[in-house]
Each structure stands twice: as C-alpha cells, then as structure tokens.
Amino acid sequence: MITFKERLKKLRFHFELTKSGAIARRYFVIGAFDGALTILGVILGAYVAEASVHPELAKQLILGAGVAGGVALAVSSAVGAYEAERVEHLLSHRHLEKAMLCAVEGTRKEAMNVSVIVSAFAHGIAPLLAAFVPLVPFYFMGLDEAVATATVMTLALLFVLGAYLGSLIKEMLVYTGLRFVIAGLATAIALILIGGH
C-alpha cells in the first residue's frame, strides 16, 4: 500500500519531470485574466445598455450572463488546455521514442498524464474564480454600487496577477501590476464607449 507521503513525493517528481508547475502557473494567470476581463465586459455591457431604463433587468442580466459566462469559460478553458497539452505531450513523447528507436513507457508517461490533468484543472478553475468574485457585490448591493465595487475588485485582481508575475522575474511589482490594470481600464473604457452608441 502506497502511503500519502510516497504519493506526494511521486507527484512532486512528476511535476519536476514535466515542468508542470510552470505550465500550470501560466495557464492559471491566463485563465484568471480571461475570466476577469470577460465578466467585466458582461457587467459593463449590461450596465451601459440597460441601467438607465431597466436597472433591475440590468442586474439580472449581469448575474445570469455572468454566471453562465464564467461556467462556459471554465469548461472551454479546461477542455482546450487538456487537449492542447495532451497533443503537445504526445508529440514530444513520439519525438523522444523516435530518437531512442524504442517505446518509452512507465514514469515518463505517468508524468505526462499528471501534467495534462494539472494544466486542464489550472486553466479551468482560474477563470471560474476570477469570474465569480466580481459578481458577489450584485447579491448584496444596489446596481450602481455593485458595478463600481465589481470594477474596483476586477482591477485589484488584475493588479495582483501582474504583481505576482513581476515577483517571479524580480521586476517592480507596481510596474507589472499597473500594466495589467491598464489593460483592464482600456477594456472598460472601450466597453463603455461601445455601449454608449
């Protein structure tokens, strides 16, 4: 019987062998960025289009489309990452087998499967979390306050993502964080301008 400690050690070895940690980190940041901006788009689009005429409808649209969009984005991201990573690992594995002139089984194949699953999970869970966080205020606040709070929360999340990436490469946290915030602000301004016409 394999103990939990042994399983953890084996999993850590698989992570190192396939560089799964770096791949999962990349997928998580990309997924969270996509989720945050997508839901910001839903929030601002519904708000600009309906708030002045039908504020209750705008709130319902934001919650309904936001939840549905978050789930759809999570499924799409997870399946896309799973298939992309599976194919990339198979191509790499076949290249290795061709170079070695023999089949390669065992640990390397197990590690590939772990990497594929971890990548899919990271890319699926990230947009789901990033999508639902800005929707929380709409359950407790009025429409105007919820939109303002959700926008600030989204920009804060983008700043944290950017700062995290900056910390990995020893770049100024504020600089990298603000680059992500600027992308969010530019998106928000474009959506407001589009919705106003």
N, C-alpha and C. Protein backbone atom coordinates (compact mmCIF):
# COMPACT_ATOMS: atom_id res chain seq x y z
N MET A 1 0.84 -1.19 0.00
CA MET A 1 0.00 0.00 0.00
C MET A 1 0.89 1.26 0.00
N ILE A 2 0.65 2.15 -0.97
CA ILE A 2 1.45 3.37 -1.07
C ILE A 2 0.90 4.40 -0.09
N THR A 3 1.78 4.99 0.69
CA THR A 3 1.37 5.99 1.67
C THR A 3 1.15 7.34 0.99
N PHE A 4 0.47 8.23 1.70
CA PHE A 4 0.20 9.58 1.19
C PHE A 4 1.51 10.31 0.91
N LYS A 5 2.48 10.14 1.81
CA LYS A 5 3.79 10.79 1.66
C LYS A 5 4.49 10.32 0.39
N GLU A 6 4.40 9.01 0.12
CA GLU A 6 5.02 8.47 -1.09
C GLU A 6 4.33 8.98 -2.35
N ARG A 7 3.00 9.07 -2.29
CA ARG A 7 2.24 9.61 -3.42
C ARG A 7 2.64 11.05 -3.70
N LEU A 8 2.77 11.82 -2.63
CA LEU A 8 3.15 13.23 -2.75
C LEU A 8 4.55 13.36 -3.36
N LYS A 9 5.46 12.51 -2.93
CA LYS A 9 6.83 12.52 -3.44
C LYS A 9 6.83 12.17 -4.94
N LYS A 10 6.01 11.19 -5.31
CA LYS A 10 5.91 10.78 -6.71
C LYS A 10 5.31 11.90 -7.56
N LEU A 11 4.29 12.55 -7.02
CA LEU A 11 3.64 13.66 -7.70
C LEU A 11 4.63 14.81 -7.91
N ARG A 12 5.41 15.10 -6.89
CA ARG A 12 6.43 16.16 -6.97
C ARG A 12 7.46 15.82 -8.05
N PHE A 13 7.84 14.56 -8.12
CA PHE A 13 8.78 14.11 -9.14
C PHE A 13 8.19 14.30 -10.54
N HIS A 14 6.91 13.94 -10.70
CA HIS A 14 6.22 14.11 -11.99
C HIS A 14 6.17 15.59 -12.38
N PHE A 15 5.92 16.45 -11.39
CA PHE A 15 5.87 17.89 -11.63
C PHE A 15 7.21 18.39 -12.15
N GLU A 16 8.30 17.94 -11.52
CA GLU A 16 9.63 18.38 -11.91
C GLU A 16 10.01 17.84 -13.28
N LEU A 17 9.65 16.60 -13.54
CA LEU A 17 9.98 15.96 -14.81
C LEU A 17 9.34 16.67 -16.00
N THR A 18 8.08 17.08 -15.83
CA THR A 18 7.34 17.70 -16.94
C THR A 18 7.25 19.21 -16.84
N LYS A 19 7.87 19.79 -15.80
CA LYS A 19 7.77 21.24 -15.55
C LYS A 19 6.32 21.68 -15.44
N SER A 20 5.51 20.86 -14.80
CA SER A 20 4.07 21.13 -14.67
C SER A 20 3.77 22.37 -13.86
N GLY A 21 4.61 22.69 -12.89
CA GLY A 21 4.37 23.87 -12.06
C GLY A 21 4.36 25.14 -12.90
N ALA A 22 5.34 25.28 -13.78
CA ALA A 22 5.43 26.47 -14.64
C ALA A 22 4.27 26.51 -15.63
N ILE A 23 3.92 25.35 -16.17
CA ILE A 23 2.81 25.28 -17.13
C ILE A 23 1.50 25.64 -16.45
N ALA A 24 1.26 25.08 -15.27
CA ALA A 24 0.02 25.36 -14.52
C ALA A 24 -0.05 26.83 -14.13
N ARG A 25 1.08 27.40 -13.72
CA ARG A 25 1.11 28.82 -13.35
C ARG A 25 0.72 29.69 -14.54
N ARG A 26 1.29 29.37 -15.70
CA ARG A 26 0.98 30.11 -16.93
C ARG A 26 -0.51 30.03 -17.24
N TYR A 27 -1.04 28.80 -17.20
CA TYR A 27 -2.46 28.60 -17.50
C TYR A 27 -3.35 29.31 -16.49
N PHE A 28 -2.96 29.30 -15.22
CA PHE A 28 -3.77 29.94 -14.18
C PHE A 28 -3.84 31.44 -14.42
N VAL A 29 -2.71 32.07 -14.71
CA VAL A 29 -2.69 33.52 -14.93
C VAL A 29 -3.49 33.88 -16.18
N ILE A 30 -3.29 33.14 -17.25
CA ILE A 30 -4.03 33.40 -18.49
C ILE A 30 -5.54 33.23 -18.25
N GLY A 31 -5.91 32.15 -17.57
CA GLY A 31 -7.33 31.88 -17.30
C GLY A 31 -7.96 32.93 -16.42
N ALA A 32 -7.24 33.35 -15.37
CA ALA A 32 -7.77 34.37 -14.46
C ALA A 32 -7.92 35.70 -15.19
N PHE A 33 -6.95 36.05 -16.01
CA PHE A 33 -7.01 37.29 -16.78
C PHE A 33 -8.22 37.26 -17.72
N ASP A 34 -8.40 36.14 -18.43
CA ASP A 34 -9.55 35.99 -19.33
C ASP A 34 -10.87 36.09 -18.58
N GLY A 35 -10.96 35.40 -17.45
CA GLY A 35 -12.19 35.40 -16.66
C GLY A 35 -12.53 36.78 -16.15
N ALA A 36 -11.53 37.49 -15.63
CA ALA A 36 -11.76 38.83 -15.07
C ALA A 36 -12.24 39.80 -16.15
N LEU A 37 -11.56 39.82 -17.29
CA LEU A 37 -11.94 40.76 -18.34
C LEU A 37 -13.27 40.39 -19.00
N THR A 38 -13.53 39.10 -19.15
CA THR A 38 -14.80 38.67 -19.74
C THR A 38 -15.98 39.11 -18.88
N ILE A 39 -15.89 38.88 -17.58
CA ILE A 39 -17.00 39.24 -16.70
C ILE A 39 -17.11 40.76 -16.55
N LEU A 40 -15.98 41.46 -16.57
CA LEU A 40 -16.03 42.92 -16.58
C LEU A 40 -16.80 43.40 -17.81
N GLY A 41 -16.57 42.73 -18.93
CA GLY A 41 -17.30 43.05 -20.17
C GLY A 41 -18.79 42.82 -20.03
N VAL A 42 -19.17 41.71 -19.42
CA VAL A 42 -20.59 41.40 -19.19
C VAL A 42 -21.22 42.46 -18.29
N ILE A 43 -20.52 42.79 -17.20
CA ILE A 43 -21.04 43.76 -16.22
C ILE A 43 -21.24 45.13 -16.86
N LEU A 44 -20.20 45.64 -17.50
CA LEU A 44 -20.28 46.98 -18.06
C LEU A 44 -21.21 47.04 -19.28
N GLY A 45 -21.21 45.98 -20.07
CA GLY A 45 -22.10 45.94 -21.23
C GLY A 45 -23.57 46.00 -20.82
N ALA A 46 -23.95 45.17 -19.86
CA ALA A 46 -25.34 45.16 -19.39
C ALA A 46 -25.69 46.47 -18.68
N TYR A 47 -24.73 47.00 -17.94
CA TYR A 47 -24.98 48.24 -17.20
C TYR A 47 -25.21 49.41 -18.15
N VAL A 48 -24.34 49.57 -19.13
CA VAL A 48 -24.45 50.68 -20.07
C VAL A 48 -25.71 50.55 -20.92
N ALA A 49 -26.04 49.33 -21.30
CA ALA A 49 -27.20 49.11 -22.18
C ALA A 49 -28.54 49.26 -21.47
N GLU A 50 -28.63 48.83 -20.21
CA GLU A 50 -29.94 48.75 -19.56
C GLU A 50 -30.12 49.54 -18.27
N ALA A 51 -29.05 50.00 -17.63
CA ALA A 51 -29.16 50.59 -16.29
C ALA A 51 -30.10 51.78 -16.22
N SER A 52 -30.02 52.66 -17.20
CA SER A 52 -30.84 53.88 -17.13
C SER A 52 -32.32 53.61 -17.37
N VAL A 53 -32.63 52.58 -18.14
CA VAL A 53 -34.03 52.28 -18.47
C VAL A 53 -34.60 51.18 -17.57
N HIS A 54 -33.86 50.09 -17.43
CA HIS A 54 -34.32 48.93 -16.65
C HIS A 54 -33.23 48.46 -15.69
N PRO A 55 -33.03 49.13 -14.56
CA PRO A 55 -31.94 48.74 -13.65
C PRO A 55 -32.07 47.32 -13.10
N GLU A 56 -33.30 46.87 -12.84
CA GLU A 56 -33.48 45.50 -12.32
C GLU A 56 -33.12 44.47 -13.37
N LEU A 57 -33.49 44.76 -14.62
CA LEU A 57 -33.15 43.86 -15.73
C LEU A 57 -31.63 43.81 -15.91
N ALA A 58 -30.98 44.96 -15.78
CA ALA A 58 -29.52 45.02 -15.91
C ALA A 58 -28.87 44.11 -14.87
N LYS A 59 -29.37 44.17 -13.65
CA LYS A 59 -28.81 43.35 -12.57
C LYS A 59 -29.01 41.86 -12.86
N GLN A 60 -30.21 41.51 -13.31
CA GLN A 60 -30.49 40.11 -13.65
C GLN A 60 -29.62 39.64 -14.80
N LEU A 61 -29.45 40.50 -15.80
CA LEU A 61 -28.59 40.16 -16.94
C LEU A 61 -27.15 39.93 -16.49
N ILE A 62 -26.67 40.80 -15.63
CA ILE A 62 -25.30 40.68 -15.14
C ILE A 62 -25.10 39.36 -14.41
N LEU A 63 -26.04 39.03 -13.51
CA LEU A 63 -25.90 37.79 -12.73
C LEU A 63 -26.07 36.56 -13.62
N GLY A 64 -27.12 36.56 -14.45
CA GLY A 64 -27.37 35.39 -15.31
C GLY A 64 -26.26 35.17 -16.32
N ALA A 65 -25.93 36.24 -17.07
CA ALA A 65 -24.89 36.12 -18.09
C ALA A 65 -23.51 35.94 -17.46
N GLY A 66 -23.29 36.56 -16.29
CA GLY A 66 -22.01 36.43 -15.61
C GLY A 66 -21.73 35.02 -15.15
N VAL A 67 -22.72 34.41 -14.49
CA VAL A 67 -22.55 33.03 -14.02
C VAL A 67 -22.40 32.08 -15.21
N ALA A 68 -23.30 32.23 -16.20
CA ALA A 68 -23.24 31.36 -17.39
C ALA A 68 -21.91 31.54 -18.12
N GLY A 69 -21.48 32.79 -18.26
CA GLY A 69 -20.21 33.07 -18.94
C GLY A 69 -19.03 32.49 -18.19
N GLY A 70 -19.05 32.60 -16.85
CA GLY A 70 -17.97 32.05 -16.04
C GLY A 70 -17.86 30.55 -16.17
N VAL A 71 -19.00 29.87 -16.13
CA VAL A 71 -19.01 28.40 -16.26
C VAL A 71 -18.56 27.99 -17.66
N ALA A 72 -19.10 28.67 -18.68
CA ALA A 72 -18.73 28.34 -20.06
C ALA A 72 -17.24 28.56 -20.30
N LEU A 73 -16.72 29.66 -19.77
CA LEU A 73 -15.30 29.96 -19.93
C LEU A 73 -14.43 28.93 -19.22
N ALA A 74 -14.87 28.49 -18.04
CA ALA A 74 -14.13 27.48 -17.28
C ALA A 74 -14.08 26.15 -18.05
N VAL A 75 -15.22 25.73 -18.57
CA VAL A 75 -15.27 24.46 -19.33
C VAL A 75 -14.43 24.58 -20.60
N SER A 76 -14.61 25.68 -21.31
CA SER A 76 -13.85 25.90 -22.54
C SER A 76 -12.35 25.91 -22.27
N SER A 77 -11.94 26.60 -21.22
CA SER A 77 -10.51 26.69 -20.88
C SER A 77 -9.95 25.33 -20.48
N ALA A 78 -10.70 24.60 -19.65
CA ALA A 78 -10.23 23.29 -19.18
C ALA A 78 -10.09 22.30 -20.34
N VAL A 79 -11.11 22.23 -21.18
CA VAL A 79 -11.08 21.29 -22.31
C VAL A 79 -9.99 21.70 -23.30
N GLY A 80 -9.90 23.00 -23.58
CA GLY A 80 -8.87 23.48 -24.51
C GLY A 80 -7.47 23.17 -24.00
N ALA A 81 -7.23 23.43 -22.72
CA ALA A 81 -5.91 23.16 -22.13
C ALA A 81 -5.62 21.66 -22.13
N TYR A 82 -6.63 20.86 -21.78
CA TYR A 82 -6.45 19.40 -21.74
C TYR A 82 -6.02 18.88 -23.11
N GLU A 83 -6.77 19.26 -24.14
CA GLU A 83 -6.48 18.75 -25.48
C GLU A 83 -5.15 19.29 -26.01
N ALA A 84 -4.89 20.57 -25.79
CA ALA A 84 -3.62 21.17 -26.27
C ALA A 84 -2.42 20.51 -25.60
N GLU A 85 -2.49 20.35 -24.27
CA GLU A 85 -1.37 19.74 -23.55
C GLU A 85 -1.21 18.26 -23.90
N ARG A 86 -2.33 17.56 -24.05
CA ARG A 86 -2.28 16.13 -24.41
C ARG A 86 -1.55 15.95 -25.74
N VAL A 87 -1.92 16.75 -26.73
CA VAL A 87 -1.30 16.65 -28.05
C VAL A 87 0.18 17.03 -27.99
N GLU A 88 0.50 18.14 -27.28
CA GLU A 88 1.90 18.57 -27.18
C GLU A 88 2.76 17.50 -26.50
N HIS A 89 2.24 16.90 -25.42
CA HIS A 89 3.00 15.86 -24.72
C HIS A 89 3.16 14.62 -25.59
N LEU A 90 2.11 14.25 -26.33
CA LEU A 90 2.22 13.09 -27.22
C LEU A 90 3.24 13.33 -28.33
N LEU A 91 3.23 14.54 -28.90
CA LEU A 91 4.21 14.86 -29.95
C LEU A 91 5.63 14.79 -29.39
N SER A 92 5.82 15.35 -28.20
CA SER A 92 7.13 15.33 -27.55
C SER A 92 7.56 13.89 -27.24
N HIS A 93 6.59 13.08 -26.78
CA HIS A 93 6.88 11.69 -26.43
C HIS A 93 7.26 10.89 -27.68
N ARG A 94 6.52 11.10 -28.77
CA ARG A 94 6.83 10.39 -30.02
C ARG A 94 8.20 10.80 -30.56
N HIS A 95 8.52 12.08 -30.43
CA HIS A 95 9.83 12.57 -30.86
C HIS A 95 10.94 11.87 -30.07
N LEU A 96 10.72 11.73 -28.75
CA LEU A 96 11.70 11.05 -27.90
C LEU A 96 11.83 9.58 -28.30
N GLU A 97 10.70 8.90 -28.52
CA GLU A 97 10.74 7.48 -28.91
C GLU A 97 11.44 7.30 -30.26
N LYS A 98 11.21 8.23 -31.18
CA LYS A 98 11.86 8.16 -32.49
C LYS A 98 13.37 8.32 -32.34
N ALA A 99 13.78 9.25 -31.48
CA ALA A 99 15.21 9.49 -31.25
C ALA A 99 15.87 8.29 -30.58
N MET A 100 15.13 7.61 -29.68
CA MET A 100 15.69 6.47 -28.94
C MET A 100 15.50 5.15 -29.66
N LEU A 101 14.70 5.16 -30.73
CA LEU A 101 14.42 3.95 -31.53
C LEU A 101 13.76 2.84 -30.72
N CYS A 102 12.96 3.24 -29.71
CA CYS A 102 12.23 2.25 -28.91
C CYS A 102 11.07 2.93 -28.18
N ALA A 103 10.12 2.12 -27.72
CA ALA A 103 8.99 2.65 -26.97
C ALA A 103 9.45 3.08 -25.57
N VAL A 104 8.90 4.18 -25.10
CA VAL A 104 9.22 4.68 -23.76
C VAL A 104 7.94 4.62 -22.92
N GLU A 105 7.97 3.81 -21.89
CA GLU A 105 6.79 3.63 -21.02
C GLU A 105 7.13 4.05 -19.59
N GLY A 106 6.21 3.80 -18.69
CA GLY A 106 6.48 3.97 -17.26
C GLY A 106 6.35 5.40 -16.76
N THR A 107 7.35 5.81 -16.00
CA THR A 107 7.31 7.07 -15.26
C THR A 107 7.05 8.27 -16.16
N ARG A 108 7.71 8.32 -17.30
CA ARG A 108 7.55 9.49 -18.18
C ARG A 108 6.11 9.61 -18.66
N LYS A 109 5.49 8.49 -19.00
CA LYS A 109 4.10 8.52 -19.47
C LYS A 109 3.16 8.93 -18.33
N GLU A 110 3.41 8.42 -17.14
CA GLU A 110 2.61 8.81 -15.97
C GLU A 110 2.73 10.31 -15.71
N ALA A 111 3.95 10.80 -15.81
CA ALA A 111 4.21 12.23 -15.57
C ALA A 111 3.48 13.09 -16.61
N MET A 112 3.45 12.62 -17.85
CA MET A 112 2.73 13.34 -18.90
C MET A 112 1.25 13.46 -18.55
N ASN A 113 0.65 12.36 -18.08
CA ASN A 113 -0.77 12.37 -17.73
C ASN A 113 -1.05 13.34 -16.58
N VAL A 114 -0.16 13.35 -15.60
CA VAL A 114 -0.30 14.28 -14.47
C VAL A 114 -0.25 15.71 -14.97
N SER A 115 0.70 16.01 -15.84
CA SER A 115 0.87 17.36 -16.37
C SER A 115 -0.37 17.82 -17.13
N VAL A 116 -0.94 16.94 -17.93
CA VAL A 116 -2.14 17.26 -18.72
C VAL A 116 -3.31 17.60 -17.79
N ILE A 117 -3.51 16.78 -16.77
CA ILE A 117 -4.63 16.99 -15.84
C ILE A 117 -4.44 18.26 -15.02
N VAL A 118 -3.23 18.50 -14.53
CA VAL A 118 -2.94 19.71 -13.75
C VAL A 118 -3.14 20.96 -14.60
N SER A 119 -2.69 20.93 -15.84
CA SER A 119 -2.85 22.07 -16.75
C SER A 119 -4.32 22.37 -16.99
N ALA A 120 -5.09 21.32 -17.26
CA ALA A 120 -6.52 21.49 -17.51
C ALA A 120 -7.24 22.05 -16.28
N PHE A 121 -6.88 21.52 -15.10
CA PHE A 121 -7.51 22.00 -13.86
C PHE A 121 -7.18 23.47 -13.61
N ALA A 122 -5.91 23.83 -13.75
CA ALA A 122 -5.48 25.22 -13.51
C ALA A 122 -6.17 26.18 -14.46
N HIS A 123 -6.25 25.79 -15.75
CA HIS A 123 -6.84 26.68 -16.74
C HIS A 123 -8.36 26.72 -16.62
N GLY A 124 -8.96 25.69 -16.03
CA GLY A 124 -10.41 25.69 -15.83
C GLY A 124 -10.85 26.42 -14.58
N ILE A 125 -10.12 26.24 -13.49
CA ILE A 125 -10.53 26.84 -12.21
C ILE A 125 -10.26 28.34 -12.17
N ALA A 126 -9.20 28.79 -12.83
CA ALA A 126 -8.82 30.21 -12.78
C ALA A 126 -9.90 31.16 -13.30
N PRO A 127 -10.43 30.93 -14.51
CA PRO A 127 -11.47 31.86 -14.98
C PRO A 127 -12.75 31.77 -14.16
N LEU A 128 -13.01 30.60 -13.60
CA LEU A 128 -14.21 30.44 -12.77
C LEU A 128 -14.11 31.31 -11.52
N LEU A 129 -12.96 31.26 -10.85
CA LEU A 129 -12.75 32.09 -9.66
C LEU A 129 -12.76 33.57 -10.02
N ALA A 130 -12.04 33.92 -11.08
CA ALA A 130 -11.95 35.33 -11.48
C ALA A 130 -13.29 35.87 -11.96
N ALA A 131 -14.14 35.01 -12.48
CA ALA A 131 -15.46 35.45 -12.96
C ALA A 131 -16.43 35.65 -11.81
N PHE A 132 -16.40 34.80 -10.81
CA PHE A 132 -17.40 34.86 -9.75
C PHE A 132 -17.11 35.94 -8.70
N VAL A 133 -15.85 36.26 -8.49
CA VAL A 133 -15.50 37.28 -7.48
C VAL A 133 -16.20 38.62 -7.77
N PRO A 134 -16.14 39.16 -9.00
CA PRO A 134 -16.80 40.45 -9.25
C PRO A 134 -18.33 40.38 -9.22
N LEU A 135 -18.90 39.19 -9.28
CA LEU A 135 -20.36 39.06 -9.26
C LEU A 135 -20.94 39.12 -7.85
N VAL A 136 -20.12 38.86 -6.84
CA VAL A 136 -20.59 38.82 -5.45
C VAL A 136 -21.31 40.10 -5.03
N PRO A 137 -20.79 41.30 -5.34
CA PRO A 137 -21.49 42.52 -4.90
C PRO A 137 -22.93 42.64 -5.40
N PHE A 138 -23.25 42.00 -6.52
CA PHE A 138 -24.60 42.13 -7.08
C PHE A 138 -25.65 41.38 -6.25
N TYR A 139 -25.20 40.52 -5.35
CA TYR A 139 -26.13 39.82 -4.45
C TYR A 139 -26.44 40.65 -3.20
N PHE A 140 -25.62 41.66 -2.92
CA PHE A 140 -25.76 42.41 -1.67
C PHE A 140 -25.96 43.90 -1.84
N MET A 141 -25.70 44.45 -3.01
CA MET A 141 -25.72 45.91 -3.20
C MET A 141 -26.69 46.30 -4.30
N GLY A 142 -26.98 47.60 -4.34
CA GLY A 142 -27.73 48.15 -5.45
C GLY A 142 -26.87 48.12 -6.70
N LEU A 143 -27.50 48.34 -7.85
CA LEU A 143 -26.82 48.20 -9.13
C LEU A 143 -25.59 49.11 -9.26
N ASP A 144 -25.76 50.41 -9.03
CA ASP A 144 -24.64 51.35 -9.20
C ASP A 144 -23.47 51.02 -8.30
N GLU A 145 -23.76 50.76 -7.02
CA GLU A 145 -22.69 50.43 -6.07
C GLU A 145 -22.01 49.12 -6.44
N ALA A 146 -22.81 48.14 -6.88
CA ALA A 146 -22.26 46.83 -7.25
C ALA A 146 -21.35 46.93 -8.47
N VAL A 147 -21.76 47.74 -9.46
CA VAL A 147 -20.93 47.91 -10.66
C VAL A 147 -19.59 48.56 -10.29
N ALA A 148 -19.65 49.61 -9.46
CA ALA A 148 -18.42 50.29 -9.04
C ALA A 148 -17.53 49.34 -8.25
N THR A 149 -18.12 48.59 -7.31
CA THR A 149 -17.34 47.66 -6.48
C THR A 149 -16.75 46.54 -7.34
N ALA A 150 -17.54 45.99 -8.24
CA ALA A 150 -17.07 44.91 -9.12
C ALA A 150 -15.92 45.38 -10.00
N THR A 151 -16.00 46.61 -10.49
CA THR A 151 -14.95 47.16 -11.35
C THR A 151 -13.65 47.31 -10.54
N VAL A 152 -13.76 47.85 -9.33
CA VAL A 152 -12.58 48.00 -8.47
C VAL A 152 -12.00 46.64 -8.12
N MET A 153 -12.87 45.67 -7.80
CA MET A 153 -12.40 44.31 -7.47
C MET A 153 -11.67 43.68 -8.64
N THR A 154 -12.21 43.87 -9.85
CA THR A 154 -11.58 43.30 -11.04
C THR A 154 -10.22 43.92 -11.28
N LEU A 155 -10.14 45.24 -11.17
CA LEU A 155 -8.86 45.93 -11.37
C LEU A 155 -7.85 45.52 -10.29
N ALA A 156 -8.33 45.32 -9.06
CA ALA A 156 -7.44 44.86 -7.98
C ALA A 156 -6.92 43.46 -8.28
N LEU A 157 -7.81 42.59 -8.77
CA LEU A 157 -7.40 41.23 -9.12
C LEU A 157 -6.35 41.26 -10.23
N LEU A 158 -6.57 42.11 -11.24
CA LEU A 158 -5.60 42.24 -12.33
C LEU A 158 -4.25 42.74 -11.80
N PHE A 159 -4.29 43.70 -10.87
CA PHE A 159 -3.05 44.21 -10.28
C PHE A 159 -2.30 43.09 -9.56
N VAL A 160 -3.03 42.28 -8.78
CA VAL A 160 -2.40 41.17 -8.04
C VAL A 160 -1.77 40.17 -9.00
N LEU A 161 -2.48 39.84 -10.09
CA LEU A 161 -1.92 38.91 -11.08
C LEU A 161 -0.64 39.47 -11.68
N GLY A 162 -0.67 40.74 -12.06
CA GLY A 162 0.51 41.36 -12.64
C GLY A 162 1.67 41.43 -11.65
N ALA A 163 1.35 41.81 -10.42
CA ALA A 163 2.39 41.90 -9.39
C ALA A 163 3.00 40.53 -9.11
N TYR A 164 2.17 39.49 -9.12
CA TYR A 164 2.67 38.13 -8.91
C TYR A 164 3.67 37.75 -10.01
N LEU A 165 3.31 38.02 -11.26
CA LEU A 165 4.22 37.72 -12.36
C LEU A 165 5.50 38.53 -12.23
N GLY A 166 5.37 39.78 -11.84
CA GLY A 166 6.54 40.63 -11.65
C GLY A 166 7.46 40.09 -10.58
N SER A 167 6.87 39.53 -9.52
CA SER A 167 7.70 38.97 -8.43
C SER A 167 8.51 37.77 -8.90
N LEU A 168 8.00 37.03 -9.88
CA LEU A 168 8.72 35.85 -10.38
C LEU A 168 9.99 36.23 -11.13
N ILE A 169 9.94 37.37 -11.82
CA ILE A 169 11.10 37.77 -12.62
C ILE A 169 11.86 38.94 -11.98
N LYS A 170 11.55 39.18 -10.72
CA LYS A 170 12.22 40.25 -9.95
C LYS A 170 12.04 41.62 -10.61
N GLU A 171 10.86 41.83 -11.20
CA GLU A 171 10.53 43.11 -11.79
C GLU A 171 9.77 43.92 -10.74
N MET A 172 9.73 45.24 -10.90
CA MET A 172 8.98 46.06 -9.95
C MET A 172 7.52 45.62 -9.93
N LEU A 173 7.02 45.26 -8.76
CA LEU A 173 5.65 44.75 -8.63
C LEU A 173 4.62 45.76 -9.11
N VAL A 174 4.83 47.01 -8.74
CA VAL A 174 3.87 48.06 -9.11
C VAL A 174 3.83 48.22 -10.63
N TYR A 175 4.98 48.19 -11.26
CA TYR A 175 5.07 48.34 -12.71
C TYR A 175 4.29 47.24 -13.43
N THR A 176 4.55 45.99 -13.07
CA THR A 176 3.87 44.87 -13.73
C THR A 176 2.39 44.86 -13.39
N GLY A 177 2.07 45.13 -12.13
CA GLY A 177 0.67 45.18 -11.72
C GLY A 177 -0.11 46.24 -12.47
N LEU A 178 0.50 47.42 -12.64
CA LEU A 178 -0.18 48.51 -13.34
C LEU A 178 -0.37 48.22 -14.82
N ARG A 179 0.53 47.45 -15.41
CA ARG A 179 0.35 47.07 -16.82
C ARG A 179 -0.93 46.25 -17.00
N PHE A 180 -1.20 45.36 -16.05
CA PHE A 180 -2.42 44.57 -16.09
C PHE A 180 -3.65 45.46 -15.86
N VAL A 181 -3.52 46.40 -14.92
CA VAL A 181 -4.62 47.32 -14.62
C VAL A 181 -4.94 48.19 -15.84
N ILE A 182 -3.91 48.66 -16.52
CA ILE A 182 -4.11 49.48 -17.72
C ILE A 182 -4.88 48.70 -18.78
N ALA A 183 -4.55 47.42 -18.94
CA ALA A 183 -5.30 46.58 -19.89
C ALA A 183 -6.77 46.50 -19.48
N GLY A 184 -7.03 46.37 -18.17
CA GLY A 184 -8.40 46.32 -17.68
C GLY A 184 -9.13 47.64 -17.87
N LEU A 185 -8.45 48.76 -17.59
CA LEU A 185 -9.06 50.08 -17.76
C LEU A 185 -9.35 50.37 -19.23
N ALA A 186 -8.42 50.01 -20.10
CA ALA A 186 -8.63 50.22 -21.54
C ALA A 186 -9.83 49.42 -22.02
N THR A 187 -9.97 48.20 -21.52
CA THR A 187 -11.12 47.36 -21.87
C THR A 187 -12.40 48.01 -21.38
N ALA A 188 -12.40 48.47 -20.12
CA ALA A 188 -13.59 49.11 -19.54
C ALA A 188 -14.00 50.34 -20.33
N ILE A 189 -13.04 51.18 -20.68
CA ILE A 189 -13.35 52.40 -21.45
C ILE A 189 -13.92 52.05 -22.81
N ALA A 190 -13.30 51.07 -23.48
CA ALA A 190 -13.80 50.65 -24.81
C ALA A 190 -15.22 50.12 -24.70
N LEU A 191 -15.51 49.33 -23.65
CA LEU A 191 -16.85 48.77 -23.49
C LEU A 191 -17.89 49.86 -23.22
N ILE A 192 -17.52 50.84 -22.41
CA ILE A 192 -18.44 51.95 -22.12
C ILE A 192 -18.72 52.76 -23.39
N LEU A 193 -17.67 52.99 -24.18
CA LEU A 193 -17.85 53.75 -25.43
C LEU A 193 -18.71 52.98 -26.43
N ILE A 194 -18.46 51.68 -26.53
CA ILE A 194 -19.25 50.85 -27.44
C ILE A 194 -20.71 50.79 -26.98
N GLY A 195 -20.90 50.59 -25.68
CA GLY A 195 -22.26 50.51 -25.13
C GLY A 195 -23.03 51.79 -25.22
N GLY A 196 -22.32 52.92 -25.24
CA GLY A 196 -22.98 54.22 -25.30
C GLY A 196 -23.50 54.57 -26.69
N HIS A 197 -23.14 53.78 -27.68
CA HIS A 197 -23.59 54.09 -29.05
C HIS A 197 -24.69 53.17 -29.50
